[in-house]
Amino acid sequence: MSAGSQGGLPPVSAAILTAAKDAAVWALVALGLCFPLIAFRTERDLSLQTVLEARPLLVALIVAAVFLGRLLWRLYAHPTRPRRVLFPPLDLSDHHKVWLPRAGLAVLLLFPFLALLLTGQGGAVKWIDNFGVQILIYVMLAWGLNIVVGLAGLLDLGYVAFYAVGAYAYAIIATYVIPATVPVLGPWAFWICLPIAGILAAFWGLMLGFPVLRLRGDYLAIVTLAFGEIIRLVLINWVDLTNGNVGIQTPRITFFGLPFGSRTGETTFADVFHLPGSTTVHRSIFLYYVILALALLVAFVTQRMRRLPIGRAWEALREDEIACRSLGINTVNTKLTAFAMGALFGGLAGAFFGARQGFVNPRSFEFMESATILAIVVLGGMGSLVGVAVAAVAIIGGIELLRELDWLKSIFGPDFDPGQYRMLIFGFAMVLMMVWRPRGLIASREPSIALHEAKAVSGAHVKEGHG
């Protein structure tokens, strides 16, 4: 028998057969472990007698998952690399780079109408709000953090702090300042507070940037994590300003002064435009297009800034800070602008969040939010706008879908809550991504400028270009 073959089989077929045998052994071990731990559940009946409830379907699913996971791992790790045949790398050709963003934009623009057409007014509100608006909020946040982490290479674990600053800036100004000073501007509160919230968040981004100018890597991550926790604790303990854990009720967003619902008989959005249907549907669609416009603005500004000298300075800082200094690039200004721009976009998203929820409190801005946003950036591909958007759809959309899987209760029992397993699935997906796509879903980082011939970056093919 020749090396690399088994029974006359070609190397790839032999690798698959060996991997299948090894995966079967792992599946048998998992089956044995399931019997004392998972196969049976104890319950008490009406007579307080302990009874055993068998769960064969759950055991079968676990064993199948172990078998499939081990099989895929062995195929990936085999030296003959059959994964190149089974799992070809994702390569965005020039054709895909043209039609993929356009197709995605078309779907985003038509999404509310597709939801209305397929689910009616009752189901459309849930799909537009829970999926469309929620996903776009995280897309916008991830694109903001992508400037700091993906372009400038500065690991930020406290990004949720700027999200909180924007939300509370809107809540405090719209709830207390405007009604007390200029009440006539009350219906315009969101549009007045939106730029103010972004500017305040950018200011706090600068405040964070100054203490961490000389820090890198793990030390930078620890300081930014502490900054996020400090902001959250300030929001909890400064009761006179933030109302502590009770939170602040915020005014609802309006269509440039026209409310969507009215309890006092005033003219509403539906009255002016003579629109049938529920005011809740009108408001959800308007919220969707507002956050879509903000997200597209973030994408446009990011793409434009990448081509400016400051954008090229961010990318140079990411690759080698010492080389940046030797070339005369002001690394202080480069870091500060990266923190400020990322915080600006986070503050805008926070102001929108406050207007959408109608309520803000510190529990919405815990560390898990920062971890989720950072995971979206890493899994999507640092520096890739399209990859980050795809990762946000997969992660946030997947979490929201798990909340809707009530039909699983008919299989695993009425006490089964699919939502409690969402973080487990989320972590498992991250492990798989680290194994198969360590650079993210779309790992193409094209240089923003090239002289004579652009070379491939991160394995991506780049055509010739001239700077």
Protein backbone atom coordinates (compact mmCIF):
# COMPACT_ATOMS: atom_id res chain seq x y z
CA MET A 1 0.00 0.00 0.00
CA SER A 2 1.45 3.30 -1.05
CA ALA A 3 1.85 6.22 1.31
CA GLY A 4 -1.17 8.46 1.58
CA SER A 5 -3.59 5.77 0.38
CA GLN A 6 -5.70 3.12 2.07
CA GLY A 7 -6.75 -0.04 0.23
CA GLY A 8 -6.07 1.47 -3.17
CA LEU A 9 -8.19 4.57 -2.46
CA PRO A 10 -6.95 7.99 -3.53
CA PRO A 11 -5.58 10.19 -0.70
CA VAL A 12 -8.73 12.34 -0.37
CA SER A 13 -11.06 9.32 -0.26
CA ALA A 14 -8.82 7.60 2.29
CA ALA A 15 -8.85 10.77 4.41
CA ILE A 16 -12.66 10.88 4.34
CA LEU A 17 -12.93 7.19 5.30
CA THR A 18 -10.47 7.59 8.17
CA ALA A 19 -12.24 10.71 9.36
CA ALA A 20 -15.61 8.91 9.26
CA LYS A 21 -14.27 6.06 11.40
CA ASP A 22 -12.82 8.45 13.94
CA ALA A 23 -16.05 10.47 14.02
CA ALA A 24 -18.05 7.27 14.61
CA VAL A 25 -15.90 6.50 17.67
CA TRP A 26 -16.54 9.98 19.01
CA ALA A 27 -20.27 9.57 18.39
CA LEU A 28 -20.29 6.31 20.38
CA VAL A 29 -18.51 8.00 23.27
CA ALA A 30 -21.05 10.85 23.15
CA LEU A 31 -23.88 8.29 23.15
CA GLY A 32 -22.44 6.65 26.24
CA LEU A 33 -22.13 9.98 28.03
CA CYS A 34 -25.67 10.96 27.10
CA PHE A 35 -27.28 8.09 29.02
CA PRO A 36 -26.34 9.20 32.54
CA LEU A 37 -26.60 12.94 31.76
CA ILE A 38 -29.14 13.75 29.06
CA ALA A 39 -31.15 10.71 27.98
CA PHE A 40 -33.52 10.90 30.96
CA ARG A 41 -35.07 13.69 32.95
CA THR A 42 -36.58 13.29 36.40
CA GLU A 43 -39.98 14.76 37.17
CA ARG A 44 -42.52 14.58 39.97
CA ASP A 45 -46.10 13.64 39.12
CA LEU A 46 -49.25 14.71 40.95
CA SER A 47 -48.70 12.08 43.61
CA LEU A 48 -45.15 13.42 44.21
CA GLN A 49 -43.64 10.24 42.78
CA THR A 50 -40.38 10.61 40.86
CA VAL A 51 -40.71 9.48 37.26
CA LEU A 52 -38.22 9.31 34.40
CA GLU A 53 -38.93 10.96 31.06
CA ALA A 54 -36.91 9.63 28.11
CA ARG A 55 -35.54 12.11 25.55
CA PRO A 56 -34.34 10.00 22.60
CA LEU A 57 -34.63 12.79 20.01
CA LEU A 58 -32.36 15.10 21.98
CA VAL A 59 -29.79 12.31 22.35
CA ALA A 60 -29.93 11.60 18.62
CA LEU A 61 -29.37 15.26 17.79
CA ILE A 62 -26.37 15.53 20.14
CA VAL A 63 -24.77 12.34 18.80
CA ALA A 64 -25.31 13.49 15.20
CA ALA A 65 -23.80 16.90 16.00
CA VAL A 66 -20.72 15.28 17.58
CA PHE A 67 -20.28 12.97 14.60
CA LEU A 68 -20.61 15.77 12.06
CA GLY A 69 -18.38 18.15 13.99
CA ARG A 70 -15.60 15.60 14.42
CA LEU A 71 -15.86 14.57 10.77
CA LEU A 72 -15.52 18.15 9.56
CA TRP A 73 -12.62 18.79 11.93
CA ARG A 74 -10.68 15.76 10.74
CA LEU A 75 -11.26 16.67 7.11
CA TYR A 76 -10.02 20.18 7.77
CA ALA A 77 -6.93 19.08 9.68
CA HIS A 78 -5.83 16.29 7.30
CA PRO A 79 -2.45 17.03 5.63
CA THR A 80 -3.84 16.21 2.16
CA ARG A 81 -6.19 19.17 2.70
CA PRO A 82 -9.44 17.75 1.29
CA ARG A 83 -11.05 20.86 2.75
CA ARG A 84 -9.91 22.74 -0.33
CA VAL A 85 -12.37 20.55 -2.25
CA LEU A 86 -15.11 20.39 0.37
CA PHE A 87 -14.79 23.94 1.73
CA PRO A 88 -13.36 26.23 -0.94
CA PRO A 89 -12.36 29.66 0.34
CA LEU A 90 -14.74 32.53 -0.30
CA ASP A 91 -13.27 34.68 -3.04
CA LEU A 92 -15.11 37.84 -4.04
CA SER A 93 -14.33 38.37 -7.70
CA ASP A 94 -14.84 41.71 -9.37
CA HIS A 95 -18.23 40.55 -10.65
CA HIS A 96 -19.40 39.68 -7.14
CA LYS A 97 -18.09 42.97 -5.79
CA VAL A 98 -20.40 44.74 -8.23
CA TRP A 99 -23.66 42.84 -7.82
CA LEU A 100 -23.47 41.76 -4.16
CA PRO A 101 -23.72 45.26 -2.60
CA ARG A 102 -26.36 46.29 -5.15
CA ALA A 103 -28.47 43.20 -4.51
CA GLY A 104 -28.15 43.72 -0.76
CA LEU A 105 -29.18 47.37 -1.06
CA ALA A 106 -32.21 46.42 -3.17
CA VAL A 107 -33.31 43.89 -0.55
CA LEU A 108 -32.85 46.45 2.23
CA LEU A 109 -34.92 49.08 0.41
CA LEU A 110 -37.77 46.66 -0.32
CA PHE A 111 -37.70 44.75 2.97
CA PRO A 112 -40.66 46.52 4.70
CA PHE A 113 -42.90 46.07 1.67
CA LEU A 114 -41.92 42.42 1.33
CA ALA A 115 -42.74 41.90 5.01
CA LEU A 116 -46.14 43.57 4.53
CA LEU A 117 -46.85 41.50 1.45
CA LEU A 118 -45.91 38.16 2.98
CA THR A 119 -47.11 38.51 6.59
CA GLY A 120 -49.75 41.25 6.60
CA GLN A 121 -49.85 44.19 8.98
CA GLY A 122 -49.83 42.08 12.15
CA GLY A 123 -46.71 40.10 11.32
CA ALA A 124 -44.96 42.88 9.41
CA VAL A 125 -44.42 44.98 12.55
CA LYS A 126 -42.56 42.12 14.23
CA TRP A 127 -40.37 41.44 11.19
CA ILE A 128 -39.61 45.09 10.46
CA ASP A 129 -38.88 46.01 14.07
CA ASN A 130 -37.36 42.83 15.56
CA PHE A 131 -35.34 41.90 12.50
CA GLY A 132 -34.92 44.86 10.14
CA VAL A 133 -34.41 47.68 12.65
CA GLN A 134 -32.56 45.57 15.21
CA ILE A 135 -30.10 44.18 12.66
CA LEU A 136 -29.44 47.61 11.14
CA ILE A 137 -28.67 49.09 14.57
CA TYR A 138 -25.95 46.48 15.06
CA VAL A 139 -24.72 46.94 11.50
CA MET A 140 -24.26 50.64 12.20
CA LEU A 141 -22.54 49.96 15.53
CA ALA A 142 -20.26 47.35 13.98
CA TRP A 143 -19.31 49.68 11.14
CA GLY A 144 -18.42 52.33 13.70
CA LEU A 145 -16.29 49.90 15.69
CA ASN A 146 -14.78 48.65 12.42
CA ILE A 147 -13.05 52.03 12.05
CA VAL A 148 -11.34 51.60 15.42
CA VAL A 149 -10.59 47.87 15.29
CA GLY A 150 -10.64 46.96 11.60
CA LEU A 151 -8.98 50.01 10.05
CA ALA A 152 -6.88 51.51 12.86
CA GLY A 153 -6.10 48.21 14.63
CA LEU A 154 -7.01 49.52 18.12
CA LEU A 155 -8.73 46.84 20.21
CA ASP A 156 -11.71 48.48 21.93
CA LEU A 157 -13.73 46.44 24.44
CA GLY A 158 -15.72 49.39 25.77
CA TYR A 159 -17.43 50.58 22.60
CA VAL A 160 -20.86 50.27 24.21
CA ALA A 161 -19.96 53.34 26.31
CA PHE A 162 -20.39 55.62 23.27
CA TYR A 163 -23.66 53.87 22.46
CA ALA A 164 -24.81 54.69 26.00
CA VAL A 165 -23.62 58.31 25.76
CA GLY A 166 -25.67 58.85 22.60
CA ALA A 167 -28.78 57.23 24.08
CA TYR A 168 -28.63 59.19 27.34
CA ALA A 169 -27.76 62.44 25.58
CA TYR A 170 -30.96 62.10 23.57
CA ALA A 171 -32.98 61.02 26.62
CA ILE A 172 -31.83 63.89 28.87
CA ILE A 173 -32.02 66.67 26.28
CA ALA A 174 -35.34 65.55 24.77
CA THR A 175 -37.00 64.80 28.11
CA TYR A 176 -35.73 67.59 30.37
CA VAL A 177 -33.87 70.34 28.49
CA ILE A 178 -36.09 71.02 25.48
CA PRO A 179 -39.46 70.92 27.35
CA ALA A 180 -38.07 73.28 30.00
CA THR A 181 -36.49 75.77 27.59
CA VAL A 182 -38.19 75.63 24.18
CA PRO A 183 -41.35 73.47 24.49
CA VAL A 184 -42.43 74.26 20.93
CA LEU A 185 -39.49 72.21 19.66
CA GLY A 186 -40.69 69.09 21.48
CA PRO A 187 -41.89 67.25 18.34
CA TRP A 188 -38.50 67.94 16.72
CA ALA A 189 -36.55 66.59 19.71
CA PHE A 190 -35.06 63.59 17.91
CA TRP A 191 -33.80 65.57 14.93
CA ILE A 192 -32.28 68.22 17.20
CA CYS A 193 -30.68 65.69 19.55
CA LEU A 194 -29.31 63.35 16.87
CA PRO A 195 -26.28 65.49 15.88
CA ILE A 196 -25.78 66.63 19.49
CA ALA A 197 -25.63 62.99 20.67
CA GLY A 198 -23.07 62.18 17.98
CA ILE A 199 -20.89 65.16 18.88
CA LEU A 200 -21.00 64.34 22.60
CA ALA A 201 -20.08 60.72 21.91
CA ALA A 202 -17.19 61.87 19.69
CA PHE A 203 -16.01 64.13 22.52
CA TRP A 204 -15.95 61.17 24.90
CA GLY A 205 -14.11 59.22 22.23
CA LEU A 206 -11.39 61.85 22.38
CA MET A 207 -11.42 61.66 26.19
CA LEU A 208 -10.81 57.92 25.93
CA GLY A 209 -8.13 58.38 23.29
CA PHE A 210 -5.86 60.64 25.32
CA PRO A 211 -5.12 58.19 28.21
CA VAL A 212 -4.49 55.25 25.85
CA LEU A 213 -2.14 56.91 23.36
CA ARG A 214 0.84 54.86 24.55
CA LEU A 215 -1.02 51.59 25.08
CA ARG A 216 -1.31 48.65 22.71
CA GLY A 217 -2.79 45.18 22.58
CA ASP A 218 -4.00 43.68 25.86
CA TYR A 219 -3.30 46.84 27.87
CA LEU A 220 -5.42 48.91 25.49
CA ALA A 221 -8.23 46.35 25.67
CA ILE A 222 -8.22 46.42 29.50
CA VAL A 223 -8.37 50.22 29.66
CA THR A 224 -11.21 50.46 27.12
CA LEU A 225 -13.10 47.73 29.00
CA ALA A 226 -12.70 49.73 32.21
CA PHE A 227 -13.91 52.88 30.43
CA GLY A 228 -17.10 51.12 29.35
CA GLU A 229 -17.75 49.91 32.89
CA ILE A 230 -17.06 53.38 34.33
CA ILE A 231 -19.66 54.92 32.05
CA ARG A 232 -22.21 52.26 33.02
CA LEU A 233 -21.56 52.76 36.75
CA VAL A 234 -21.87 56.53 36.34
CA LEU A 235 -25.25 56.04 34.69
CA ILE A 236 -26.35 53.85 37.60
CA ASN A 237 -25.10 56.05 40.44
CA TRP A 238 -25.70 59.59 39.13
CA VAL A 239 -29.37 59.31 40.04
CA ASP A 240 -30.11 63.06 39.90
CA LEU A 241 -29.22 63.17 36.21
CA THR A 242 -29.85 59.66 34.85
CA ASN A 243 -32.54 58.38 37.27
CA GLY A 244 -30.32 55.38 38.04
CA ASN A 245 -31.58 51.89 37.32
CA VAL A 246 -35.12 53.19 36.90
CA GLY A 247 -34.17 54.76 33.58
CA ILE A 248 -35.70 57.63 31.60
CA GLN A 249 -38.84 57.65 29.49
CA THR A 250 -38.00 59.30 26.16
CA PRO A 251 -40.30 61.00 23.64
CA ARG A 252 -41.13 59.00 20.53
CA ILE A 253 -39.71 59.84 17.15
CA THR A 254 -41.88 61.91 14.79
CA PHE A 255 -41.97 62.47 11.04
CA PHE A 256 -40.25 65.86 11.17
CA GLY A 257 -42.76 67.15 13.70
CA LEU A 258 -45.78 65.03 12.72
CA PRO A 259 -46.54 62.36 15.35
CA PHE A 260 -47.53 58.86 14.27
CA GLY A 261 -50.08 58.47 17.03
CA SER A 262 -52.10 61.06 18.94
CA ARG A 263 -54.22 61.01 22.09
CA THR A 264 -55.28 64.65 22.00
CA GLY A 265 -56.77 64.86 18.53
CA GLU A 266 -53.77 66.57 16.91
CA THR A 267 -52.93 66.02 13.28
CA THR A 268 -50.93 62.84 12.70
CA PHE A 269 -48.74 61.46 9.94
CA ALA A 270 -51.56 59.25 8.62
CA ASP A 271 -53.99 62.20 8.54
CA VAL A 272 -51.69 64.36 6.43
CA PHE A 273 -50.83 61.67 3.87
CA HIS A 274 -54.23 59.90 4.02
CA LEU A 275 -52.65 56.52 4.69
CA PRO A 276 -54.75 53.51 5.71
CA GLY A 277 -53.62 50.93 8.20
CA SER A 278 -52.18 50.94 11.68
CA THR A 279 -50.06 53.79 13.01
CA THR A 280 -47.72 51.15 14.47
CA VAL A 281 -46.92 49.92 10.96
CA HIS A 282 -46.28 53.47 9.75
CA ARG A 283 -43.96 54.15 12.66
CA SER A 284 -42.04 50.86 12.20
CA ILE A 285 -41.48 51.51 8.50
CA PHE A 286 -40.31 55.06 9.19
CA LEU A 287 -37.91 53.84 11.90
CA TYR A 288 -36.55 51.26 9.49
CA TYR A 289 -35.75 53.80 6.80
CA VAL A 290 -34.24 56.24 9.32
CA ILE A 291 -31.75 53.66 10.62
CA LEU A 292 -31.12 52.45 7.05
CA ALA A 293 -30.23 56.02 6.02
CA LEU A 294 -27.93 56.41 9.04
CA ALA A 295 -26.22 53.08 8.30
CA LEU A 296 -25.69 54.00 4.65
CA LEU A 297 -24.29 57.35 5.76
CA VAL A 298 -21.78 55.54 7.98
CA ALA A 299 -20.79 53.25 5.09
CA PHE A 300 -20.38 56.20 2.70
CA VAL A 301 -18.28 58.23 5.14
CA THR A 302 -16.11 55.20 5.97
CA GLN A 303 -15.43 54.45 2.32
CA ARG A 304 -14.61 58.07 1.57
CA MET A 305 -12.31 58.42 4.57
CA ARG A 306 -10.41 55.26 3.63
CA ARG A 307 -9.31 57.02 0.45
CA LEU A 308 -8.24 60.19 2.27
CA PRO A 309 -4.83 60.59 3.93
CA ILE A 310 -6.36 59.97 7.36
CA GLY A 311 -7.80 56.66 6.19
CA ARG A 312 -4.45 55.54 4.81
CA ALA A 313 -2.88 56.61 8.11
CA TRP A 314 -5.34 54.37 9.99
CA GLU A 315 -4.37 51.40 7.87
CA ALA A 316 -0.67 52.14 8.25
CA LEU A 317 -1.15 52.37 12.03
CA ARG A 318 -2.87 49.00 11.99
CA GLU A 319 0.02 47.37 10.16
CA ASP A 320 2.98 48.87 12.07
CA GLU A 321 2.91 51.81 14.49
CA ILE A 322 6.70 52.15 14.62
CA ALA A 323 6.90 52.36 10.83
CA CYS A 324 4.18 55.02 10.94
CA ARG A 325 6.24 57.20 13.23
CA SER A 326 9.36 56.72 11.15
CA LEU A 327 7.44 57.94 8.09
CA GLY A 328 6.40 61.11 9.89
CA ILE A 329 2.74 60.18 10.46
CA ASN A 330 1.29 61.82 13.56
CA THR A 331 0.10 58.74 15.45
CA VAL A 332 -1.53 60.85 18.18
CA ASN A 333 -3.91 62.54 15.76
CA THR A 334 -4.46 59.27 13.91
CA LYS A 335 -5.55 57.41 17.04
CA LEU A 336 -7.71 60.27 18.28
CA THR A 337 -9.54 60.64 14.98
CA ALA A 338 -10.19 56.89 14.86
CA PHE A 339 -11.68 56.90 18.36
CA ALA A 340 -13.68 60.06 17.64
CA MET A 341 -15.16 58.80 14.35
CA GLY A 342 -16.06 55.41 15.78
CA ALA A 343 -17.63 57.06 18.84
CA LEU A 344 -19.55 59.51 16.64
CA PHE A 345 -21.29 56.67 14.79
CA GLY A 346 -21.94 54.84 18.07
CA GLY A 347 -23.55 57.98 19.50
CA LEU A 348 -25.84 58.35 16.49
CA ALA A 349 -26.93 54.73 16.89
CA GLY A 350 -27.52 55.33 20.61
CA ALA A 351 -29.76 58.35 19.95
CA PHE A 352 -31.80 56.30 17.50
CA PHE A 353 -32.03 53.46 20.04
CA GLY A 354 -33.43 55.83 22.67
CA ALA A 355 -36.03 57.21 20.26
CA ARG A 356 -37.03 53.75 19.08
CA GLN A 357 -37.36 52.20 22.55
CA GLY A 358 -39.02 55.15 24.24
CA PHE A 359 -37.00 54.21 27.32
CA VAL A 360 -33.33 53.92 28.29
CA ASN A 361 -31.67 52.40 31.34
CA PRO A 362 -28.12 51.16 32.13
CA ARG A 363 -28.99 47.48 31.62
CA SER A 364 -29.09 48.04 27.87
CA PHE A 365 -25.38 48.96 27.82
CA GLU A 366 -23.58 46.11 29.56
CA PHE A 367 -20.33 44.49 28.48
CA MET A 368 -22.12 41.78 26.49
CA GLU A 369 -23.19 44.45 24.01
CA SER A 370 -19.55 45.40 23.39
CA ALA A 371 -18.62 41.73 23.06
CA THR A 372 -21.40 41.15 20.53
CA ILE A 373 -20.41 44.16 18.42
CA LEU A 374 -16.74 43.16 18.49
CA ALA A 375 -17.65 39.58 17.54
CA ILE A 376 -19.59 40.88 14.54
CA VAL A 377 -16.54 42.84 13.36
CA VAL A 378 -14.16 39.91 13.84
CA LEU A 379 -16.43 37.27 12.31
CA GLY A 380 -17.33 39.46 9.35
CA GLY A 381 -13.72 40.31 8.55
CA MET A 382 -11.93 43.30 10.02
CA GLY A 383 -11.92 46.16 7.55
CA SER A 384 -14.66 44.70 5.32
CA LEU A 385 -17.96 46.59 5.32
CA VAL A 386 -19.81 43.86 3.43
CA GLY A 387 -18.44 41.12 5.68
CA VAL A 388 -19.41 42.99 8.84
CA ALA A 389 -22.94 43.51 7.50
CA VAL A 390 -23.27 39.81 6.63
CA ALA A 391 -22.02 38.82 10.10
CA ALA A 392 -24.53 41.18 11.76
CA VAL A 393 -27.38 39.62 9.77
CA ALA A 394 -26.21 36.11 10.70
CA ILE A 395 -25.61 36.78 14.40
CA ILE A 396 -28.41 39.20 15.30
CA GLY A 397 -30.88 37.64 12.88
CA GLY A 398 -30.01 34.18 14.19
CA ILE A 399 -30.52 35.28 17.80
CA GLU A 400 -33.91 36.78 16.94
CA LEU A 401 -34.91 33.64 15.02
CA LEU A 402 -34.13 31.50 18.06
CA ARG A 403 -36.67 33.51 20.03
CA GLU A 404 -39.33 32.51 17.51
CA LEU A 405 -38.72 28.75 17.48
CA ASP A 406 -41.69 27.90 19.69
CA TRP A 407 -42.41 24.77 17.64
CA LEU A 408 -39.39 23.13 19.28
CA LYS A 409 -41.41 22.95 22.50
CA SER A 410 -43.59 20.30 20.88
CA ILE A 411 -40.46 18.14 20.46
CA PHE A 412 -38.51 18.81 23.67
CA GLY A 413 -41.42 19.61 25.97
CA PRO A 414 -43.22 22.77 27.13
CA ASP A 415 -40.37 23.75 29.46
CA PHE A 416 -37.88 24.03 26.60
CA ASP A 417 -36.79 27.61 25.95
CA PRO A 418 -34.83 27.94 22.67
CA GLY A 419 -33.76 31.47 23.57
CA GLN A 420 -31.57 30.25 26.45
CA TYR A 421 -29.36 28.33 24.01
CA ARG A 422 -28.66 31.28 21.75
CA MET A 423 -25.37 32.19 23.44
CA LEU A 424 -24.25 28.55 23.31
CA ILE A 425 -24.93 28.44 19.56
CA PHE A 426 -23.28 31.84 19.20
CA GLY A 427 -20.10 30.62 20.90
CA PHE A 428 -20.07 27.41 18.86
CA ALA A 429 -20.34 29.45 15.66
CA MET A 430 -17.39 31.61 16.75
CA VAL A 431 -15.25 28.51 17.34
CA LEU A 432 -16.12 27.19 13.87
CA MET A 433 -15.25 30.54 12.33
CA MET A 434 -11.87 30.60 14.08
CA VAL A 435 -11.13 27.16 12.64
CA TRP A 436 -12.37 27.58 9.06
CA ARG A 437 -12.26 31.32 8.43
CA PRO A 438 -9.80 32.85 10.92
CA ARG A 439 -9.77 36.16 9.00
CA GLY A 440 -13.56 36.42 8.89
CA LEU A 441 -16.31 35.72 6.39
CA ILE A 442 -14.96 38.18 3.84
CA ALA A 443 -11.28 38.67 4.50
CA SER A 444 -10.44 40.87 1.53
CA ARG A 445 -8.77 44.12 2.56
CA GLU A 446 -7.94 46.05 -0.54
CA PRO A 447 -5.32 48.78 -0.26
CA SER A 448 -6.90 52.21 -0.51
CA ILE A 449 -4.10 53.39 -2.85
CA ALA A 450 -1.56 51.53 -4.96
CA LEU A 451 1.43 52.54 -7.05
CA HIS A 452 1.82 50.74 -10.39
CA GLU A 453 0.52 47.32 -9.29
CA ALA A 454 -1.56 46.51 -6.24
CA LYS A 455 -0.63 43.31 -4.48
CA ALA A 456 -3.06 40.95 -2.78
CA VAL A 457 -3.82 41.68 0.86
CA SER A 458 -5.03 38.84 3.11
CA GLY A 459 -5.21 36.49 0.17
CA ALA A 460 -7.56 38.71 -1.84
CA HIS A 461 -7.01 39.24 -5.56
CA VAL A 462 -6.68 42.92 -6.48
CA LYS A 463 -6.44 44.15 -10.01
CA GLU A 464 -3.92 46.63 -11.23
CA GLY A 465 -4.51 50.18 -10.19
CA HIS A 466 -2.71 53.44 -10.18
CA GLY A 467 -2.50 55.90 -7.38
